[in-house]
Structures are given as C-alpha cells and as structure tokens.
Protein backbone atom coordinates (compact mmCIF):
# COMPACT_ATOMS: atom_id res chain seq x y z
CA MET A 1 9.85 21.92 35.25
CA ILE A 2 9.43 21.76 31.60
CA SER A 3 11.43 25.15 30.23
CA THR A 4 10.03 27.68 27.98
CA GLN A 5 12.52 26.65 25.19
CA HIS A 6 11.33 23.31 25.52
CA ALA A 7 7.51 24.51 25.32
CA SER A 8 8.03 26.64 22.58
CA ASN A 9 9.21 23.32 20.97
CA ALA A 10 6.57 21.77 21.16
CA GLN A 11 4.42 23.80 20.07
CA LEU A 12 6.48 24.31 16.69
CA MET A 13 6.38 20.38 16.57
CA LYS A 14 2.57 20.68 16.62
CA TRP A 15 2.50 22.95 14.09
CA ALA A 16 4.44 21.37 11.75
CA THR A 17 2.61 18.33 11.59
CA TYR A 18 -0.81 20.60 11.13
CA ALA A 19 1.26 22.33 8.18
CA SER A 20 2.35 18.72 6.96
CA VAL A 21 -1.26 17.00 6.65
CA THR A 22 -2.71 20.65 5.36
CA THR A 23 -0.17 20.91 2.81
CA ALA A 24 -0.75 16.92 1.66
CA LEU A 25 -4.95 16.91 1.50
CA SER A 26 -4.44 20.79 -0.90
CA LEU A 27 -2.31 17.98 -3.21
CA ILE A 28 -4.40 15.53 -3.32
CA SER A 29 -7.29 17.49 -4.27
CA VAL A 30 -5.94 19.02 -7.30
CA LYS A 31 -4.19 16.57 -8.33
CA VAL A 32 -6.84 13.97 -8.19
CA ILE A 33 -8.22 16.52 -11.12
CA ALA A 34 -5.29 16.93 -13.01
CA TRP A 35 -5.12 12.28 -13.04
CA PHE A 36 -8.90 12.65 -14.39
CA ILE A 37 -8.28 14.96 -17.16
CA THR A 38 -5.00 13.91 -18.01
CA ASP A 39 -4.77 10.01 -17.37
CA SER A 40 -1.53 10.10 -16.58
CA VAL A 41 0.18 7.61 -14.82
CA SER A 42 2.85 9.51 -13.49
CA ILE A 43 0.70 12.26 -12.29
CA MET A 44 -1.34 9.39 -10.67
CA ALA A 45 2.24 8.33 -8.68
CA THR A 46 2.05 11.53 -7.54
CA LEU A 47 -1.36 11.21 -6.30
CA ILE A 48 -0.58 8.20 -4.09
CA ASP A 49 2.23 9.61 -2.96
CA SER A 50 0.45 12.40 -2.13
CA SER A 51 -2.28 10.12 -0.23
CA LEU A 52 0.00 8.21 1.32
CA ASP A 53 1.67 11.35 2.60
CA VAL A 54 -1.56 12.41 4.70
CA LEU A 55 -1.54 9.16 6.30
CA ALA A 56 1.80 9.14 6.90
CA SER A 57 1.67 12.94 8.06
CA VAL A 58 -0.89 12.01 10.75
CA VAL A 59 0.90 9.30 12.00
CA ASN A 60 3.60 11.85 12.76
CA LEU A 61 0.94 14.00 14.51
CA VAL A 62 -0.10 11.41 16.57
CA ALA A 63 3.29 10.14 17.74
CA VAL A 64 4.47 13.84 18.10
CA ARG A 65 1.55 14.98 20.23
CA HIS A 66 2.59 11.17 22.35
CA ALA A 67 6.46 11.93 22.14
CA LEU A 68 6.15 15.29 23.70
CA GLN A 69 4.32 14.13 26.73
CA PRO A 70 6.88 14.07 29.94
CA ALA A 71 8.17 11.25 31.77
CA ASP A 72 5.38 9.43 33.97
CA LYS A 73 6.01 6.77 36.73
CA GLU A 74 5.78 4.51 33.49
CA HIS A 75 8.14 5.38 31.17
CA ARG A 76 10.91 7.23 33.18
CA PHE A 77 12.98 8.40 30.18
CA GLY A 78 10.56 9.99 28.69
CA HIS A 79 8.29 9.31 24.78
CA GLY A 80 10.88 10.49 22.44
CA LYS A 81 11.15 6.82 20.78
CA ALA A 82 7.43 7.60 19.36
CA GLU A 83 8.70 9.88 17.17
CA ALA A 84 11.14 6.66 15.72
CA LEU A 85 8.48 4.67 15.63
CA ALA A 86 6.53 7.24 13.19
CA GLY A 87 9.69 7.41 11.27
CA MET A 88 9.03 3.12 10.39
CA GLY A 89 5.70 4.00 10.12
CA GLN A 90 5.89 6.37 7.76
CA SER A 91 8.34 3.92 5.74
CA MET A 92 6.22 1.26 5.57
CA PHE A 93 3.87 3.43 4.24
CA ILE A 94 6.24 5.30 1.32
CA THR A 95 7.02 1.68 0.40
CA GLY A 96 3.52 0.70 -0.43
CA SER A 97 3.49 3.42 -2.20
CA ALA A 98 6.37 2.90 -3.69
CA GLY A 99 5.16 -0.97 -4.64
CA ILE A 100 1.73 0.09 -6.02
CA LEU A 101 3.86 2.92 -8.68
CA LEU A 102 6.21 0.08 -9.51
CA LEU A 103 3.26 -2.43 -10.78
CA GLN A 104 1.67 0.66 -12.40
CA ALA A 105 4.66 1.72 -14.29
CA VAL A 106 5.51 -1.81 -15.45
CA GLY A 107 1.58 -2.06 -17.47
CA ARG A 108 1.89 1.53 -18.58
CA ILE A 109 5.26 0.21 -19.84
CA ILE A 110 3.60 -3.15 -21.18
CA HIS A 111 0.75 -1.35 -22.92
CA PRO A 112 1.30 2.58 -23.55
CA GLN A 113 -1.22 5.11 -23.60
CA ALA A 114 -1.60 6.13 -27.38
CA ASP A 115 -2.62 9.72 -26.26
CA MET A 116 -2.69 12.51 -23.44
CA THR A 117 -5.51 15.52 -22.90
CA GLY A 118 -5.05 18.34 -20.74
CA ILE A 119 -1.16 18.15 -19.99
CA ASP A 120 -1.51 21.91 -19.50
CA VAL A 121 -3.25 21.35 -16.43
CA GLY A 122 -1.01 18.66 -15.25
CA ILE A 123 2.16 20.75 -15.75
CA GLY A 124 -0.06 23.14 -13.55
CA VAL A 125 -0.74 20.93 -11.04
CA MET A 126 2.61 20.15 -10.82
CA LEU A 127 4.12 23.50 -10.45
CA PHE A 128 1.80 24.47 -7.91
CA SER A 129 2.43 21.55 -6.04
CA ILE A 130 5.78 22.30 -6.12
CA VAL A 131 5.23 25.56 -4.63
CA ALA A 132 3.19 24.35 -1.98
CA THR A 133 6.08 21.66 -1.35
CA LEU A 134 9.22 24.83 -0.95
CA LEU A 135 6.83 26.27 1.45
CA LEU A 136 6.04 23.41 3.50
CA LEU A 137 9.72 22.84 3.47
CA SER A 138 11.17 26.06 4.68
CA PHE A 139 8.75 26.15 7.60
CA GLN A 140 9.95 22.51 8.78
CA HIS A 141 13.65 23.07 8.05
CA TYR A 142 12.84 25.85 11.02
CA VAL A 143 11.20 23.74 12.92
CA ILE A 144 13.96 21.30 12.28
CA LYS A 145 16.75 23.73 13.35
CA GLN A 146 15.08 24.69 16.54
CA THR A 147 13.97 21.19 18.07
CA ASN A 148 16.24 18.63 16.01
CA SER A 149 12.89 16.30 15.97
CA THR A 150 13.26 12.59 14.32
CA ALA A 151 9.87 13.18 13.11
CA ILE A 152 10.10 15.99 11.27
CA LYS A 153 13.37 14.91 9.48
CA ALA A 154 11.61 11.95 8.38
CA ASP A 155 8.68 13.94 7.06
CA ALA A 156 10.44 16.79 5.74
CA LEU A 157 12.85 13.58 3.87
CA HIS A 158 9.50 12.42 2.23
CA TYR A 159 8.36 15.88 0.66
CA LYS A 160 11.86 16.67 -0.13
CA THR A 161 11.74 13.58 -2.64
CA ASP A 162 8.55 15.04 -3.56
CA LEU A 163 9.96 18.08 -5.03
CA TRP A 164 11.95 16.29 -7.68
CA VAL A 165 8.97 13.81 -8.40
CA ASN A 166 6.61 16.82 -9.52
CA ALA A 167 9.57 18.11 -11.41
CA SER A 168 10.26 14.22 -13.40
CA VAL A 169 6.29 14.74 -13.91
CA ILE A 170 6.58 17.92 -15.64
CA VAL A 171 9.56 16.65 -18.01
CA ALA A 172 7.41 13.68 -18.46
CA LEU A 173 4.42 15.63 -19.35
CA ILE A 174 5.98 17.35 -22.11
CA LEU A 175 8.32 14.99 -23.35
CA THR A 176 4.38 12.52 -23.98
CA PHE A 177 3.19 16.25 -25.36
CA TYR A 178 6.07 15.34 -28.19
CA GLY A 179 5.18 11.94 -28.96
CA TYR A 180 7.12 10.25 -26.36
CA HIS A 181 4.83 7.92 -24.89
CA HIS A 182 6.87 5.76 -22.92
CA PHE A 183 8.47 8.99 -20.72
CA ASP A 184 5.47 8.92 -18.73
CA ALA A 185 5.88 5.37 -17.73
CA LEU A 186 9.76 5.01 -17.89
CA PHE A 187 9.21 8.26 -14.93
CA ALA A 188 6.54 6.70 -13.18
CA LEU A 189 9.10 3.83 -12.67
CA ALA A 190 12.47 5.88 -11.41
CA ILE A 191 10.31 7.94 -9.01
CA ALA A 192 9.03 4.52 -7.15
CA ILE A 193 13.01 3.61 -6.96
CA PHE A 194 13.90 6.65 -5.51
CA ILE A 195 11.04 6.49 -3.36
CA LEU A 196 12.30 3.40 -1.92
CA VAL A 197 15.63 4.75 -1.23
CA SER A 198 14.47 7.42 0.58
CA ALA A 199 11.86 5.11 2.47
CA TRP A 200 15.54 3.20 3.82
CA GLU A 201 17.02 6.53 4.86
CA ILE A 202 13.88 7.13 7.24
CA VAL A 203 14.07 3.38 8.23
CA LYS A 204 18.35 3.92 9.27
CA GLU A 205 17.46 6.37 11.42
CA SER A 206 14.48 5.17 13.40
CA ILE A 207 16.89 2.09 13.56
CA ASP A 208 19.30 4.00 15.23
CA LEU A 209 17.23 6.09 17.60
CA LEU A 210 15.65 2.97 18.89
CA MET A 211 18.62 0.69 19.10
CA ASP A 212 20.07 3.72 21.21
CA HIS A 213 22.71 4.68 19.04
CA GLU A 214 25.30 7.02 20.21
CA LEU A 215 25.10 10.77 19.57
CA PRO A 216 27.82 11.61 16.08
CA ASP A 217 31.81 11.58 17.29
CA GLU A 218 31.61 15.48 16.67
CA GLU A 219 29.04 15.56 19.41
CA ARG A 220 31.04 13.70 21.54
CA HIS A 221 34.01 15.06 21.11
CA LYS A 222 31.85 18.81 22.23
CA ILE A 223 31.05 16.63 25.36
CA LYS A 224 34.52 15.78 26.10
CA GLU A 225 35.79 19.43 25.23
CA VAL A 226 33.25 20.76 28.36
CA VAL A 227 35.25 18.03 30.53
CA SER A 228 38.22 19.22 29.82
CA ARG A 229 37.50 23.22 29.95
CA CYS A 230 37.20 22.60 33.97
CA PRO A 231 40.04 23.00 36.01
CA ASP A 232 38.95 20.87 38.37
CA ALA A 233 38.56 17.75 36.42
CA LEU A 234 41.32 15.67 35.33
CA GLY A 235 38.97 14.07 32.22
CA CYS A 236 36.34 11.82 31.64
CA HIS A 237 35.92 8.07 30.31
CA ASP A 238 32.78 5.53 29.86
CA LEU A 239 31.00 7.97 28.02
CA ARG A 240 27.45 6.85 26.48
CA THR A 241 25.20 8.88 24.53
CA ARG A 242 21.78 8.60 22.94
CA ARG A 243 19.02 10.49 21.42
CA SER A 244 15.30 10.20 22.38
CA GLY A 245 13.45 12.26 20.17
CA ASN A 246 14.22 15.43 20.95
CA LYS A 247 15.81 15.14 24.01
CA ILE A 248 19.76 14.23 24.68
CA PHE A 249 20.72 11.12 27.24
CA ILE A 250 24.49 11.86 28.49
CA GLN A 251 26.03 8.95 31.18
CA LEU A 252 29.98 9.87 32.10
CA HIS A 253 32.41 8.97 35.19
CA LEU A 254 34.02 12.24 35.58
CA GLU A 255 37.92 11.92 37.12
CA LEU A 256 38.75 14.06 40.19
CA ASN A 257 41.75 14.01 42.70
CA SER A 258 41.21 11.70 45.24
CA SER A 259 42.15 13.84 47.75
CA LEU A 260 38.87 15.92 47.31
CA CYS A 261 36.04 15.97 49.70
CA LEU A 262 32.69 14.66 48.71
CA LEU A 263 30.96 18.05 49.12
CA ASP A 264 33.66 19.78 46.79
CA ALA A 265 33.62 16.68 44.36
CA HIS A 266 29.99 16.82 43.93
CA ALA A 267 29.98 20.86 43.46
CA ILE A 268 32.51 19.95 40.31
CA ALA A 269 30.24 17.51 39.34
CA GLU A 270 27.14 19.76 39.65
CA LYS A 271 29.15 22.40 37.77
CA VAL A 272 30.19 20.18 34.45
CA GLU A 273 26.51 18.82 34.64
CA GLN A 274 24.89 22.60 33.93
CA GLN A 275 27.74 23.40 31.54
CA LEU A 276 26.63 20.11 29.25
CA LYS A 277 22.67 21.43 30.02
CA ASP A 278 23.72 24.34 28.27
CA LEU A 279 25.19 22.95 25.57
CA TYR A 280 22.15 20.70 25.13
CA GLU A 281 18.37 22.59 25.38
CA ASP A 282 17.11 19.72 28.54
CA ALA A 283 19.91 17.29 28.06
CA GLU A 284 19.35 14.62 31.17
CA VAL A 285 22.57 14.33 32.45
CA ILE A 286 24.63 11.67 34.75
CA ILE A 287 27.63 11.87 36.34
CA HIS A 288 29.55 9.64 38.74
CA GLU A 289 32.42 10.68 39.97
CA ASP A 290 36.06 8.37 39.79
CA PRO A 291 38.89 9.36 42.27
CA VAL A 292 42.05 9.46 40.35
CA VAL A 293 45.15 8.76 42.45
CA LEU A 294 47.78 11.57 41.71
C-alpha cells in the first residue's frame, strides 16, 4: 500500500518536471528574440543550453513518471533506476550542447564580430532568465528536500549552472558594448567548459545509483545507531545499503542472544525494522537474525 507521504512526493516530483519544461520553453522564446537582435554568440550559447534543457526536462518527465510506478512481478525492486538513466541522458544532452558551444566560440574568436546591436535587449532577456531560473530552482529545492529525487537533483544542477551562464552573458555584453569584442566569444568558451564540468557531476551521481553505491557514511552510522538503541540487540554486521530513485534499501544481520526463542527474535527484528522505516520513509528493510552465544 502506497503511503500518503509517498503519494505527496510523487505529485511534487511530477509538478517539478512540469515546471522545468514550462520554464525552459519560456526561456527559449525570449532568447531566440535576443539572439536575432544582437547576433551574440554568448546569447546563442544560452539559447542552445535552454533548447537542450527542454529535451532534458522531457526525458526527466518521462523518467520520473516511470520511476514512480510501483514494483511489479517483472521489477520486484521497483523502477527507481529510471531516474539514474534520465540523469545519464541529461548528461549526454549537456555534453552535446557544450561541444556545439566550443565550436561556435572558437569560430568567433578566430573571426570576431565587428559590431553588435540591441545589447540592452540582450541584457534585459538575461535578467528575465535569471529571475525565472531562480523561481524554478526555489521550487526544485523544496521538492528535493521532500523527496531526495535524483532526477530533480540533476535538473536543478543544470539550472544552477544556467544562473552563472546568464550572469556571465550580461558581463560579456557589457564588455562588448565598451569595445572588447573578444569577450563575447571568450565567455561562451568558459560557459562551454562550465557545462562540461556540470555534466560530469551528473554522470558520477547517475553511475553511483546504477552501480548500487552504498549510502554515505553518515547515513550508515544512523542505521547502526538505530540498532544500538535497541536494548535486546547485541549489534549488527554485513550492513548493505543502496538507493533506487527516492527509495532506500537496507539489509543487515542483526545479532541476538542465542537463547531467545524464534518468536522473540522475530519481534525484536520487526521492532528494529519499523524504527528504520521511521527514519527513512518507505524504506525496504531486510533483516536476518544471527544468534550470538553469550
């Protein structure tokens, strides 16, 4: 049975993907206008980035909807890894955009633009983009806090880089206005490198999820603390953890007095299991009781 919290998290994740797609489409519209007016390669860089944002956000939307489906007979552990696959897909989009930007920036450095018009329009569009991105990020951070979704984290990371990108374009346009024409291309080049670094961060997190990477040490310590607080438990070993989407899987061997009867040992294990589920919403917990001779 799906808990109320799980259903609420699922709805939040869906709304976050809708907001991401809507924001990206809005930014594309205004950046197309700014690019035609200014012919700025740095604005074109942000336009390409926003265009790929739409593709990445659509991939995210589909992946999140799939990841939220409950476990079935063919996927006993659920569909949470769809989020990690979405993150890998996003990283490919982002890397592709960076490659295009590198080519355009190098070309503009070799053949600099003699003049640029409509700089005030370009700056206005960039300011609008910053405000729209900040509004989206504030909502995404709220969703991440509630759900710990990897797909939304990847999307938010990309939009965080967009803030720096948009701010740098404003600086590039101002410098171009004062006659420093190479800075437009140089900033586009820096943006491309920055995007590549962001793509690598997404790849690393996605690989960790796909390869069933252990939870951080502080989280594993919390799990061991739950066991240590149980007066009837003697300890635990062979602790294994992983995350799939927004679901956590925990397996451990619970050390118990060998003189306990099976019914009592099972009751203690159930108590520890419930405490772990209280710590992690909807966690999947498997406990093996190990007898210890005192």
